[in-house]
């Protein structure tokens, strides 16, 4: 699904959520 990600460095990414684990998650987005 499409998600909005707010990074700690201030960036805002909107993309497709991929697999996730304890360390992190995959995200695909277009700029």
ModelCIF file with pLDDT and N, C-alpha, C, O atoms, coordinates in Angstrom:
data_MODEL
#
_entry.id   MODEL 
#
_entity.id                         1 
_entity.type                       polymer 
_entity.pdbx_number_of_molecules   1 
#
_entity_poly.entity_id                      1 
_entity_poly.type                           'polypeptide(L)' 
_entity_poly.nstd_linkage                   no 
_entity_poly.nstd_monomer                   no 
_entity_poly.pdbx_seq_one_letter_code       
;(UNK)(UNK)(UNK)(UNK)(UNK)(UNK)(UNK)(UNK)(UNK)(UNK)(UNK)(UNK)(UNK)(UNK)(UNK)(UNK)
(UNK)(UNK)(UNK)(UNK)(UNK)(UNK)(UNK)(UNK)(UNK)(UNK)(UNK)(UNK)(UNK)(UNK)(UNK)
;
_entity_poly.pdbx_seq_one_letter_code_can   XXXXXXXXXXXXXXXXXXXXXXXXXXXXXXX 
_entity_poly.pdbx_strand_id                 A 
#
loop_
_entity_poly_seq.entity_id 
_entity_poly_seq.num 
_entity_poly_seq.mon_id 
_entity_poly_seq.hetero 
1 1  UNK n 
1 2  UNK n 
1 3  UNK n 
1 4  UNK n 
1 5  UNK n 
1 6  UNK n 
1 7  UNK n 
1 8  UNK n 
1 9  UNK n 
1 10 UNK n 
1 11 UNK n 
1 12 UNK n 
1 13 UNK n 
1 14 UNK n 
1 15 UNK n 
1 16 UNK n 
1 17 UNK n 
1 18 UNK n 
1 19 UNK n 
1 20 UNK n 
1 21 UNK n 
1 22 UNK n 
1 23 UNK n 
1 24 UNK n 
1 25 UNK n 
1 26 UNK n 
1 27 UNK n 
1 28 UNK n 
1 29 UNK n 
1 30 UNK n 
1 31 UNK n 
#
_struct_asym.id          A 
_struct_asym.entity_id   1 
#
loop_
_ma_qa_metric.id 
_ma_qa_metric.mode 
_ma_qa_metric.name 
_ma_qa_metric.software_group_id 
_ma_qa_metric.type 
1 global pLDDT . pLDDT 
2 local  pLDDT . pLDDT 
#
_ma_qa_metric_global.metric_id      1 
_ma_qa_metric_global.metric_value   97.13 
_ma_qa_metric_global.model_id       1 
_ma_qa_metric_global.ordinal_id     1 
#
loop_
_ma_qa_metric_local.label_asym_id 
_ma_qa_metric_local.label_comp_id 
_ma_qa_metric_local.label_seq_id 
_ma_qa_metric_local.metric_id 
_ma_qa_metric_local.metric_value 
_ma_qa_metric_local.model_id 
_ma_qa_metric_local.ordinal_id 
A UNK 1  2 97.00 1 1  
A UNK 2  2 97.00 1 2  
A UNK 3  2 98.00 1 3  
A UNK 4  2 98.00 1 4  
A UNK 5  2 98.00 1 5  
A UNK 6  2 98.00 1 6  
A UNK 7  2 98.00 1 7  
A UNK 8  2 97.00 1 8  
A UNK 9  2 96.00 1 9  
A UNK 10 2 95.00 1 10 
A UNK 11 2 95.00 1 11 
A UNK 12 2 97.00 1 12 
A UNK 13 2 97.00 1 13 
A UNK 14 2 97.00 1 14 
A UNK 15 2 98.00 1 15 
A UNK 16 2 98.00 1 16 
A UNK 17 2 98.00 1 17 
A UNK 18 2 98.00 1 18 
A UNK 19 2 98.00 1 19 
A UNK 20 2 98.00 1 20 
A UNK 21 2 98.00 1 21 
A UNK 22 2 97.00 1 22 
A UNK 23 2 98.00 1 23 
A UNK 24 2 98.00 1 24 
A UNK 25 2 98.00 1 25 
A UNK 26 2 98.00 1 26 
A UNK 27 2 98.00 1 27 
A UNK 28 2 98.00 1 28 
A UNK 29 2 97.00 1 29 
A UNK 30 2 95.00 1 30 
A UNK 31 2 90.00 1 31 
#
loop_
_atom_site.group_PDB 
_atom_site.id 
_atom_site.type_symbol 
_atom_site.label_atom_id 
_atom_site.label_alt_id 
_atom_site.label_comp_id 
_atom_site.label_asym_id 
_atom_site.label_entity_id 
_atom_site.label_seq_id 
_atom_site.pdbx_PDB_ins_code 
_atom_site.Cartn_x 
_atom_site.Cartn_y 
_atom_site.Cartn_z 
_atom_site.occupancy 
_atom_site.B_iso_or_equiv 
_atom_site.pdbx_formal_charge 
_atom_site.auth_seq_id 
_atom_site.auth_comp_id 
_atom_site.auth_asym_id 
_atom_site.auth_atom_id 
_atom_site.pdbx_PDB_model_num 
ATOM 1   N N  . UNK A 1 1  ? 0.839  -1.203 0.000  1.00 97.00 ? 1  UNK A N  1 
ATOM 2   C CA . UNK A 1 1  ? 0.000  0.000  0.000  1.00 97.00 ? 1  UNK A CA 1 
ATOM 3   C C  . UNK A 1 1  ? 0.876  1.256  0.000  1.00 97.00 ? 1  UNK A C  1 
ATOM 4   O O  . UNK A 1 1  ? 2.071  1.207  0.293  1.00 97.00 ? 1  UNK A O  1 
ATOM 5   N N  . UNK A 1 2  ? 0.249  2.366  -0.334 1.00 97.00 ? 2  UNK A N  1 
ATOM 6   C CA . UNK A 1 2  ? 0.972  3.642  -0.332 1.00 97.00 ? 2  UNK A CA 1 
ATOM 7   C C  . UNK A 1 2  ? 1.046  4.199  1.087  1.00 97.00 ? 2  UNK A C  1 
ATOM 8   O O  . UNK A 1 2  ? 0.046  4.240  1.804  1.00 97.00 ? 2  UNK A O  1 
ATOM 9   N N  . UNK A 1 3  ? 2.232  4.621  1.478  1.00 98.00 ? 3  UNK A N  1 
ATOM 10  C CA . UNK A 1 3  ? 2.439  5.173  2.818  1.00 98.00 ? 3  UNK A CA 1 
ATOM 11  C C  . UNK A 1 3  ? 3.224  6.473  2.722  1.00 98.00 ? 3  UNK A C  1 
ATOM 12  O O  . UNK A 1 3  ? 3.906  6.745  1.734  1.00 98.00 ? 3  UNK A O  1 
ATOM 13  N N  . UNK A 1 4  ? 3.106  7.253  3.768  1.00 98.00 ? 4  UNK A N  1 
ATOM 14  C CA . UNK A 1 4  ? 3.877  8.492  3.881  1.00 98.00 ? 4  UNK A CA 1 
ATOM 15  C C  . UNK A 1 4  ? 4.898  8.312  5.000  1.00 98.00 ? 4  UNK A C  1 
ATOM 16  O O  . UNK A 1 4  ? 4.544  7.952  6.123  1.00 98.00 ? 4  UNK A O  1 
ATOM 17  N N  . UNK A 1 5  ? 6.151  8.563  4.688  1.00 98.00 ? 5  UNK A N  1 
ATOM 18  C CA . UNK A 1 5  ? 7.245  8.354  5.639  1.00 98.00 ? 5  UNK A CA 1 
ATOM 19  C C  . UNK A 1 5  ? 7.884  9.692  5.971  1.00 98.00 ? 5  UNK A C  1 
ATOM 20  O O  . UNK A 1 5  ? 8.328  10.420 5.083  1.00 98.00 ? 5  UNK A O  1 
ATOM 21  N N  . UNK A 1 6  ? 7.926  10.006 7.254  1.00 98.00 ? 6  UNK A N  1 
ATOM 22  C CA . UNK A 1 6  ? 8.596  11.227 7.714  1.00 98.00 ? 6  UNK A CA 1 
ATOM 23  C C  . UNK A 1 6  ? 9.931  10.831 8.323  1.00 98.00 ? 6  UNK A C  1 
ATOM 24  O O  . UNK A 1 6  ? 9.982  10.187 9.372  1.00 98.00 ? 6  UNK A O  1 
ATOM 25  N N  . UNK A 1 7  ? 11.011 11.222 7.655  1.00 98.00 ? 7  UNK A N  1 
ATOM 26  C CA . UNK A 1 7  ? 12.349 10.875 8.107  1.00 98.00 ? 7  UNK A CA 1 
ATOM 27  C C  . UNK A 1 7  ? 12.825 11.828 9.205  1.00 98.00 ? 7  UNK A C  1 
ATOM 28  O O  . UNK A 1 7  ? 12.326 12.946 9.327  1.00 98.00 ? 7  UNK A O  1 
ATOM 29  N N  . UNK A 1 8  ? 13.778 11.379 9.986  1.00 97.00 ? 8  UNK A N  1 
ATOM 30  C CA . UNK A 1 8  ? 14.318 12.217 11.058 1.00 97.00 ? 8  UNK A CA 1 
ATOM 31  C C  . UNK A 1 8  ? 15.123 13.404 10.517 1.00 97.00 ? 8  UNK A C  1 
ATOM 32  O O  . UNK A 1 8  ? 15.301 14.403 11.214 1.00 97.00 ? 8  UNK A O  1 
ATOM 33  N N  . UNK A 1 9  ? 15.601 13.295 9.289  1.00 96.00 ? 9  UNK A N  1 
ATOM 34  C CA . UNK A 1 9  ? 16.355 14.408 8.700  1.00 96.00 ? 9  UNK A CA 1 
ATOM 35  C C  . UNK A 1 9  ? 15.441 15.447 8.053  1.00 96.00 ? 9  UNK A C  1 
ATOM 36  O O  . UNK A 1 9  ? 15.914 16.400 7.435  1.00 96.00 ? 9  UNK A O  1 
ATOM 37  N N  . UNK A 1 10 ? 14.118 15.255 8.201  1.00 95.00 ? 10 UNK A N  1 
ATOM 38  C CA . UNK A 1 10 ? 13.158 16.237 7.694  1.00 95.00 ? 10 UNK A CA 1 
ATOM 39  C C  . UNK A 1 10 ? 12.535 15.872 6.364  1.00 95.00 ? 10 UNK A C  1 
ATOM 40  O O  . UNK A 1 10 ? 11.554 16.499 5.963  1.00 95.00 ? 10 UNK A O  1 
ATOM 41  N N  . UNK A 1 11 ? 13.060 14.891 5.671  1.00 95.00 ? 11 UNK A N  1 
ATOM 42  C CA . UNK A 1 11 ? 12.494 14.495 4.376  1.00 95.00 ? 11 UNK A CA 1 
ATOM 43  C C  . UNK A 1 11 ? 11.140 13.818 4.560  1.00 95.00 ? 11 UNK A C  1 
ATOM 44  O O  . UNK A 1 11 ? 10.896 13.145 5.562  1.00 95.00 ? 11 UNK A O  1 
ATOM 45  N N  . UNK A 1 12 ? 10.282 14.005 3.593  1.00 97.00 ? 12 UNK A N  1 
ATOM 46  C CA . UNK A 1 12 ? 8.989  13.327 3.573  1.00 97.00 ? 12 UNK A CA 1 
ATOM 47  C C  . UNK A 1 12 ? 8.895  12.534 2.275  1.00 97.00 ? 12 UNK A C  1 
ATOM 48  O O  . UNK A 1 12 ? 8.951  13.093 1.179  1.00 97.00 ? 12 UNK A O  1 
ATOM 49  N N  . UNK A 1 13 ? 8.750  11.215 2.424  1.00 97.00 ? 13 UNK A N  1 
ATOM 50  C CA . UNK A 1 13 ? 8.706  10.319 1.272  1.00 97.00 ? 13 UNK A CA 1 
ATOM 51  C C  . UNK A 1 13 ? 7.334  9.670  1.183  1.00 97.00 ? 13 UNK A C  1 
ATOM 52  O O  . UNK A 1 13 ? 6.765  9.264  2.197  1.00 97.00 ? 13 UNK A O  1 
ATOM 53  N N  . UNK A 1 14 ? 6.813  9.574  -0.010 1.00 97.00 ? 14 UNK A N  1 
ATOM 54  C CA . UNK A 1 14 ? 5.544  8.894  -0.249 1.00 97.00 ? 14 UNK A CA 1 
ATOM 55  C C  . UNK A 1 14 ? 5.784  7.809  -1.284 1.00 97.00 ? 14 UNK A C  1 
ATOM 56  O O  . UNK A 1 14 ? 6.175  8.086  -2.418 1.00 97.00 ? 14 UNK A O  1 
ATOM 57  N N  . UNK A 1 15 ? 5.543  6.563  -0.875 1.00 98.00 ? 15 UNK A N  1 
ATOM 58  C CA . UNK A 1 15 ? 5.816  5.468  -1.788 1.00 98.00 ? 15 UNK A CA 1 
ATOM 59  C C  . UNK A 1 15 ? 5.085  4.202  -1.379 1.00 98.00 ? 15 UNK A C  1 
ATOM 60  O O  . UNK A 1 15 ? 4.179  4.229  -0.546 1.00 98.00 ? 15 UNK A O  1 
ATOM 61  N N  . UNK A 1 16 ? 5.493  3.097  -1.978 1.00 98.00 ? 16 UNK A N  1 
ATOM 62  C CA . UNK A 1 16 ? 4.851  1.811  -1.733 1.00 98.00 ? 16 UNK A CA 1 
ATOM 63  C C  . UNK A 1 16 ? 5.643  1.046  -0.677 1.00 98.00 ? 16 UNK A C  1 
ATOM 64  O O  . UNK A 1 16 ? 6.854  0.867  -0.799 1.00 98.00 ? 16 UNK A O  1 
ATOM 65  N N  . UNK A 1 17 ? 4.944  0.604  0.352  1.00 98.00 ? 17 UNK A N  1 
ATOM 66  C CA . UNK A 1 17 ? 5.576  -0.112 1.455  1.00 98.00 ? 17 UNK A CA 1 
ATOM 67  C C  . UNK A 1 17 ? 5.862  -1.553 1.049  1.00 98.00 ? 17 UNK A C  1 
ATOM 68  O O  . UNK A 1 17 ? 5.012  -2.243 0.486  1.00 98.00 ? 17 UNK A O  1 
ATOM 69  N N  . UNK A 1 18 ? 7.085  -1.986 1.351  1.00 98.00 ? 18 UNK A N  1 
ATOM 70  C CA . UNK A 1 18 ? 7.481  -3.359 1.070  1.00 98.00 ? 18 UNK A CA 1 
ATOM 71  C C  . UNK A 1 18 ? 7.586  -4.167 2.343  1.00 98.00 ? 18 UNK A C  1 
ATOM 72  O O  . UNK A 1 18 ? 6.939  -3.851 3.341  1.00 98.00 ? 18 UNK A O  1 
ATOM 73  N N  . UNK A 1 19 ? 8.393  -5.201 2.313  1.00 98.00 ? 19 UNK A N  1 
ATOM 74  C CA . UNK A 1 19 ? 8.560  -6.073 3.473  1.00 98.00 ? 19 UNK A CA 1 
ATOM 75  C C  . UNK A 1 19 ? 9.242  -5.323 4.613  1.00 98.00 ? 19 UNK A C  1 
ATOM 76  O O  . UNK A 1 19 ? 10.040 -4.412 4.389  1.00 98.00 ? 19 UNK A O  1 
ATOM 77  N N  . UNK A 1 20 ? 8.911  -5.725 5.842  1.00 98.00 ? 20 UNK A N  1 
ATOM 78  C CA . UNK A 1 20 ? 9.472  -5.077 7.024  1.00 98.00 ? 20 UNK A CA 1 
ATOM 79  C C  . UNK A 1 20 ? 9.973  -6.123 8.004  1.00 98.00 ? 20 UNK A C  1 
ATOM 80  O O  . UNK A 1 20 ? 9.447  -7.234 8.070  1.00 98.00 ? 20 UNK A O  1 
ATOM 81  N N  . UNK A 1 21 ? 10.995 -5.754 8.764  1.00 98.00 ? 21 UNK A N  1 
ATOM 82  C CA . UNK A 1 21 ? 11.489 -6.608 9.844  1.00 98.00 ? 21 UNK A CA 1 
ATOM 83  C C  . UNK A 1 21 ? 11.888 -5.718 11.017 1.00 98.00 ? 21 UNK A C  1 
ATOM 84  O O  . UNK A 1 21 ? 11.549 -4.535 11.049 1.00 98.00 ? 21 UNK A O  1 
ATOM 85  N N  . UNK A 1 22 ? 12.603 -6.288 11.973 1.00 97.00 ? 22 UNK A N  1 
ATOM 86  C CA . UNK A 1 22 ? 12.967 -5.537 13.174 1.00 97.00 ? 22 UNK A CA 1 
ATOM 87  C C  . UNK A 1 22 ? 13.903 -4.366 12.866 1.00 97.00 ? 22 UNK A C  1 
ATOM 88  O O  . UNK A 1 22 ? 13.929 -3.381 13.604 1.00 97.00 ? 22 UNK A O  1 
ATOM 89  N N  . UNK A 1 23 ? 14.659 -4.472 11.794 1.00 98.00 ? 23 UNK A N  1 
ATOM 90  C CA . UNK A 1 23 ? 15.638 -3.439 11.461 1.00 98.00 ? 23 UNK A CA 1 
ATOM 91  C C  . UNK A 1 23 ? 15.026 -2.279 10.682 1.00 98.00 ? 23 UNK A C  1 
ATOM 92  O O  . UNK A 1 23 ? 15.376 -1.121 10.911 1.00 98.00 ? 23 UNK A O  1 
ATOM 93  N N  . UNK A 1 24 ? 14.116 -2.587 9.765  1.00 98.00 ? 24 UNK A N  1 
ATOM 94  C CA . UNK A 1 24 ? 13.552 -1.535 8.932  1.00 98.00 ? 24 UNK A CA 1 
ATOM 95  C C  . UNK A 1 24 ? 12.542 -2.080 7.941  1.00 98.00 ? 24 UNK A C  1 
ATOM 96  O O  . UNK A 1 24 ? 11.971 -3.150 8.152  1.00 98.00 ? 24 UNK A O  1 
ATOM 97  N N  . UNK A 1 25 ? 12.322 -1.346 6.859  1.00 98.00 ? 25 UNK A N  1 
ATOM 98  C CA . UNK A 1 25 ? 11.319 -1.746 5.871  1.00 98.00 ? 25 UNK A CA 1 
ATOM 99  C C  . UNK A 1 25 ? 11.725 -1.237 4.496  1.00 98.00 ? 25 UNK A C  1 
ATOM 100 O O  . UNK A 1 25 ? 12.458 -0.257 4.364  1.00 98.00 ? 25 UNK A O  1 
ATOM 101 N N  . UNK A 1 26 ? 11.231 -1.926 3.480  1.00 98.00 ? 26 UNK A N  1 
ATOM 102 C CA . UNK A 1 26 ? 11.505 -1.532 2.094  1.00 98.00 ? 26 UNK A CA 1 
ATOM 103 C C  . UNK A 1 26 ? 10.493 -0.487 1.638  1.00 98.00 ? 26 UNK A C  1 
ATOM 104 O O  . UNK A 1 26 ? 9.306  -0.574 1.953  1.00 98.00 ? 26 UNK A O  1 
ATOM 105 N N  . UNK A 1 27 ? 10.973 0.486  0.905  1.00 98.00 ? 27 UNK A N  1 
ATOM 106 C CA . UNK A 1 27 ? 10.099 1.520  0.355  1.00 98.00 ? 27 UNK A CA 1 
ATOM 107 C C  . UNK A 1 27 ? 10.516 1.821  -1.073 1.00 98.00 ? 27 UNK A C  1 
ATOM 108 O O  . UNK A 1 27 ? 11.699 1.978  -1.374 1.00 98.00 ? 27 UNK A O  1 
ATOM 109 N N  . UNK A 1 28 ? 9.524  1.898  -1.944 1.00 98.00 ? 28 UNK A N  1 
ATOM 110 C CA . UNK A 1 28 ? 9.745  2.285  -3.338 1.00 98.00 ? 28 UNK A CA 1 
ATOM 111 C C  . UNK A 1 28 ? 8.987  3.575  -3.595 1.00 98.00 ? 28 UNK A C  1 
ATOM 112 O O  . UNK A 1 28 ? 7.782  3.651  -3.352 1.00 98.00 ? 28 UNK A O  1 
ATOM 113 N N  . UNK A 1 29 ? 9.686  4.588  -4.086 1.00 97.00 ? 29 UNK A N  1 
ATOM 114 C CA . UNK A 1 29 ? 9.033  5.859  -4.344 1.00 97.00 ? 29 UNK A CA 1 
ATOM 115 C C  . UNK A 1 29 ? 9.611  6.506  -5.599 1.00 97.00 ? 29 UNK A C  1 
ATOM 116 O O  . UNK A 1 29 ? 10.685 6.133  -6.072 1.00 97.00 ? 29 UNK A O  1 
ATOM 117 N N  . UNK A 1 30 ? 8.886  7.471  -6.121 1.00 95.00 ? 30 UNK A N  1 
ATOM 118 C CA . UNK A 1 30 ? 9.265  8.128  -7.374 1.00 95.00 ? 30 UNK A CA 1 
ATOM 119 C C  . UNK A 1 30 ? 9.434  9.625  -7.154 1.00 95.00 ? 30 UNK A C  1 
ATOM 120 O O  . UNK A 1 30 ? 8.622  10.262 -6.483 1.00 95.00 ? 30 UNK A O  1 
ATOM 121 N N  . UNK A 1 31 ? 10.489 10.173 -7.722 1.00 90.00 ? 31 UNK A N  1 
ATOM 122 C CA . UNK A 1 31 ? 10.721 11.619 -7.675 1.00 90.00 ? 31 UNK A CA 1 
ATOM 123 C C  . UNK A 1 31 ? 10.903 12.140 -9.091 1.00 90.00 ? 31 UNK A C  1 
ATOM 124 O O  . UNK A 1 31 ? 11.111 13.338 -9.286 1.00 90.00 ? 31 UNK A O  1 
#
